[in-house]
Amino acid sequence: MNETYRKLVDLYAGNELPEELNNELEEAAKTDPSLMQDMTSLRQTVETLQNDEFVFTEESYQRVLMKLYARGGHLQTQSPEPNHFQYQLPMSG
């Protein structure tokens, strides 16, 4: 699969590519089954998530999280450090 096309698959899935580039990517996918599979599956996923009937619940989140952990993913949330940890003020009494 061409590296440039691989990088464009996520934009293709969200219908964010210009028509000319979209057509070029679809033509390339006709000769590359791996690219076609990636494009099809990701577009279906994006369409499902954008569907008004789809509700991403806490249960859905937990299922996705457990699958990621089962496949060896190590996720760490990134939250900003509270401001009160920023400076050490001297205590005087």
C-alpha atoms as a PDB file:
ATOM      1  CA  MET A   1       0.000   0.000   0.000  1.00  0.00           C
ATOM      2  CA  ASN A   2       1.335   3.422  -0.904  1.00  0.00           C
ATOM      3  CA  GLU A   3       2.349   5.317   2.236  1.00  0.00           C
ATOM      4  CA  THR A   4       0.693   8.533   1.067  1.00  0.00           C
ATOM      5  CA  TYR A   5      -2.618   6.788   0.496  1.00  0.00           C
ATOM      6  CA  ARG A   6      -2.377   5.083   3.878  1.00  0.00           C
ATOM      7  CA  LYS A   7      -2.115   8.483   5.546  1.00  0.00           C
ATOM      8  CA  LEU A   8      -5.210   9.718   3.700  1.00  0.00           C
ATOM      9  CA  VAL A   9      -7.524   6.879   4.738  1.00  0.00           C
ATOM     10  CA  ASP A  10      -8.751   8.656   7.876  1.00  0.00           C
ATOM     11  CA  LEU A  11      -9.623  11.775   5.869  1.00  0.00           C
ATOM     12  CA  TYR A  12     -11.358   9.593   3.298  1.00  0.00           C
ATOM     13  CA  ALA A  13     -13.406   7.922   6.021  1.00  0.00           C
ATOM     14  CA  GLY A  14     -14.653  11.274   7.272  1.00  0.00           C
ATOM     15  CA  ASN A  15     -15.435  12.542   3.738  1.00  0.00           C
ATOM     16  CA  GLU A  16     -12.884  15.321   4.222  1.00  0.00           C
ATOM     17  CA  LEU A  17     -10.896  14.880   0.994  1.00  0.00           C
ATOM     18  CA  PRO A  18     -11.375  16.998  -2.125  1.00  0.00           C
ATOM     19  CA  GLU A  19     -13.272  15.115  -4.849  1.00  0.00           C
ATOM     20  CA  GLU A  20     -10.192  14.737  -7.065  1.00  0.00           C
ATOM     21  CA  LEU A  21      -8.093  13.182  -4.297  1.00  0.00           C
ATOM     22  CA  ASN A  22     -11.029  11.068  -3.158  1.00  0.00           C
ATOM     23  CA  ASN A  23     -11.360   9.615  -6.669  1.00  0.00           C
ATOM     24  CA  GLU A  24      -7.607   9.003  -6.890  1.00  0.00           C
ATOM     25  CA  LEU A  25      -7.658   7.116  -3.604  1.00  0.00           C
ATOM     26  CA  GLU A  26     -10.611   4.986  -4.727  1.00  0.00           C
ATOM     27  CA  GLU A  27      -8.784   4.143  -7.984  1.00  0.00           C
ATOM     28  CA  ALA A  28      -5.688   3.094  -6.024  1.00  0.00           C
ATOM     29  CA  ALA A  29      -7.846   0.915  -3.772  1.00  0.00           C
ATOM     30  CA  LYS A  30      -9.108  -1.062  -6.775  1.00  0.00           C
ATOM     31  CA  THR A  31      -5.648  -2.597  -7.162  1.00  0.00           C
ATOM     32  CA  ASP A  32      -4.765  -2.786  -3.454  1.00  0.00           C
ATOM     33  CA  PRO A  33      -7.053  -5.059  -1.378  1.00  0.00           C
ATOM     34  CA  SER A  34      -5.437  -3.968   1.892  1.00  0.00           C
ATOM     35  CA  LEU A  35      -6.099  -0.310   1.145  1.00  0.00           C
ATOM     36  CA  MET A  36      -9.683  -1.101   0.103  1.00  0.00           C
ATOM     37  CA  GLN A  37     -10.274  -3.002   3.353  1.00  0.00           C
ATOM     38  CA  ASP A  38      -8.900  -0.140   5.457  1.00  0.00           C
ATOM     39  CA  MET A  39     -10.962   2.450   3.600  1.00  0.00           C
ATOM     40  CA  THR A  40     -14.180   0.444   3.790  1.00  0.00           C
ATOM     41  CA  SER A  41     -13.923  -0.542   7.436  1.00  0.00           C
ATOM     42  CA  LEU A  42     -12.899   2.914   8.655  1.00  0.00           C
ATOM     43  CA  ARG A  43     -15.620   4.676   6.646  1.00  0.00           C
ATOM     44  CA  GLN A  44     -18.239   2.278   8.097  1.00  0.00           C
ATOM     45  CA  THR A  45     -16.934   2.972  11.579  1.00  0.00           C
ATOM     46  CA  VAL A  46     -17.060   6.744  11.100  1.00  0.00           C
ATOM     47  CA  GLU A  47     -20.582   6.565   9.628  1.00  0.00           C
ATOM     48  CA  THR A  48     -21.744   4.451  12.567  1.00  0.00           C
ATOM     49  CA  LEU A  49     -20.287   6.886  15.080  1.00  0.00           C
ATOM     50  CA  GLN A  50     -21.832   9.868  13.292  1.00  0.00           C
ATOM     51  CA  ASN A  51     -25.242   8.212  13.139  1.00  0.00           C
ATOM     52  CA  ASP A  52     -27.749   9.994  15.383  1.00  0.00           C
ATOM     53  CA  GLU A  53     -29.085   6.672  16.643  1.00  0.00           C
ATOM     54  CA  PHE A  54     -25.694   5.597  17.978  1.00  0.00           C
ATOM     55  CA  VAL A  55     -25.208   6.311  21.671  1.00  0.00           C
ATOM     56  CA  PHE A  56     -21.748   5.880  23.149  1.00  0.00           C
ATOM     57  CA  THR A  57     -22.500   4.861  26.729  1.00  0.00           C
ATOM     58  CA  GLU A  58     -20.266   4.155  29.680  1.00  0.00           C
ATOM     59  CA  GLU A  59     -20.739   0.454  28.913  1.00  0.00           C
ATOM     60  CA  SER A  60     -19.512   1.023  25.347  1.00  0.00           C
ATOM     61  CA  TYR A  61     -16.485   2.888  26.679  1.00  0.00           C
ATOM     62  CA  GLN A  62     -15.657   0.071  29.097  1.00  0.00           C
ATOM     63  CA  ARG A  63     -15.965  -2.568  26.346  1.00  0.00           C
ATOM     64  CA  VAL A  64     -13.577  -0.651  24.095  1.00  0.00           C
ATOM     65  CA  LEU A  65     -11.190  -0.114  26.984  1.00  0.00           C
ATOM     66  CA  MET A  66     -11.172  -3.816  27.911  1.00  0.00           C
ATOM     67  CA  LYS A  67     -10.499  -4.831  24.299  1.00  0.00           C
ATOM     68  CA  LEU A  68      -7.583  -2.420  24.139  1.00  0.00           C
ATOM     69  CA  TYR A  69      -6.155  -3.787  27.379  1.00  0.00           C
ATOM     70  CA  ALA A  70      -6.632  -7.376  26.154  1.00  0.00           C
ATOM     71  CA  ARG A  71      -4.619  -6.551  23.029  1.00  0.00           C
ATOM     72  CA  GLY A  72      -1.753  -5.125  25.052  1.00  0.00           C
ATOM     73  CA  GLY A  73      -2.646  -1.449  24.931  1.00  0.00           C
ATOM     74  CA  HIS A  74      -1.455   0.659  27.832  1.00  0.00           C
ATOM     75  CA  LEU A  75      -3.552   3.784  28.074  1.00  0.00           C
ATOM     76  CA  GLN A  76      -2.784   6.641  30.362  1.00  0.00           C
ATOM     77  CA  THR A  77      -5.060   9.619  30.691  1.00  0.00           C
ATOM     78  CA  GLN A  78      -3.520  13.005  30.227  1.00  0.00           C
ATOM     79  CA  SER A  79      -4.940  15.551  32.564  1.00  0.00           C
ATOM     80  CA  PRO A  80      -3.318  18.864  33.338  1.00  0.00           C
ATOM     81  CA  GLU A  81      -1.437  19.128  36.581  1.00  0.00           C
ATOM     82  CA  PRO A  82      -3.386  21.256  39.070  1.00  0.00           C
ATOM     83  CA  ASN A  83      -2.082  24.782  39.487  1.00  0.00           C
ATOM     84  CA  HIS A  84      -1.522  24.318  43.203  1.00  0.00           C
ATOM     85  CA  PHE A  85       1.261  21.807  42.369  1.00  0.00           C
ATOM     86  CA  GLN A  86       3.070  24.363  40.253  1.00  0.00           C
ATOM     87  CA  TYR A  87       4.916  26.359  42.926  1.00  0.00           C
ATOM     88  CA  GLN A  88       6.252  25.434  46.315  1.00  0.00           C
ATOM     89  CA  LEU A  89       5.566  28.305  48.694  1.00  0.00           C
ATOM     90  CA  PRO A  90       7.525  28.585  51.916  1.00  0.00           C
ATOM     91  CA  MET A  91       5.510  28.112  55.058  1.00  0.00           C
ATOM     92  CA  SER A  92       6.193  30.697  57.723  1.00  0.00           C
ATOM     93  CA  GLY A  93       4.444  30.846  60.994  1.00  0.00           C
END
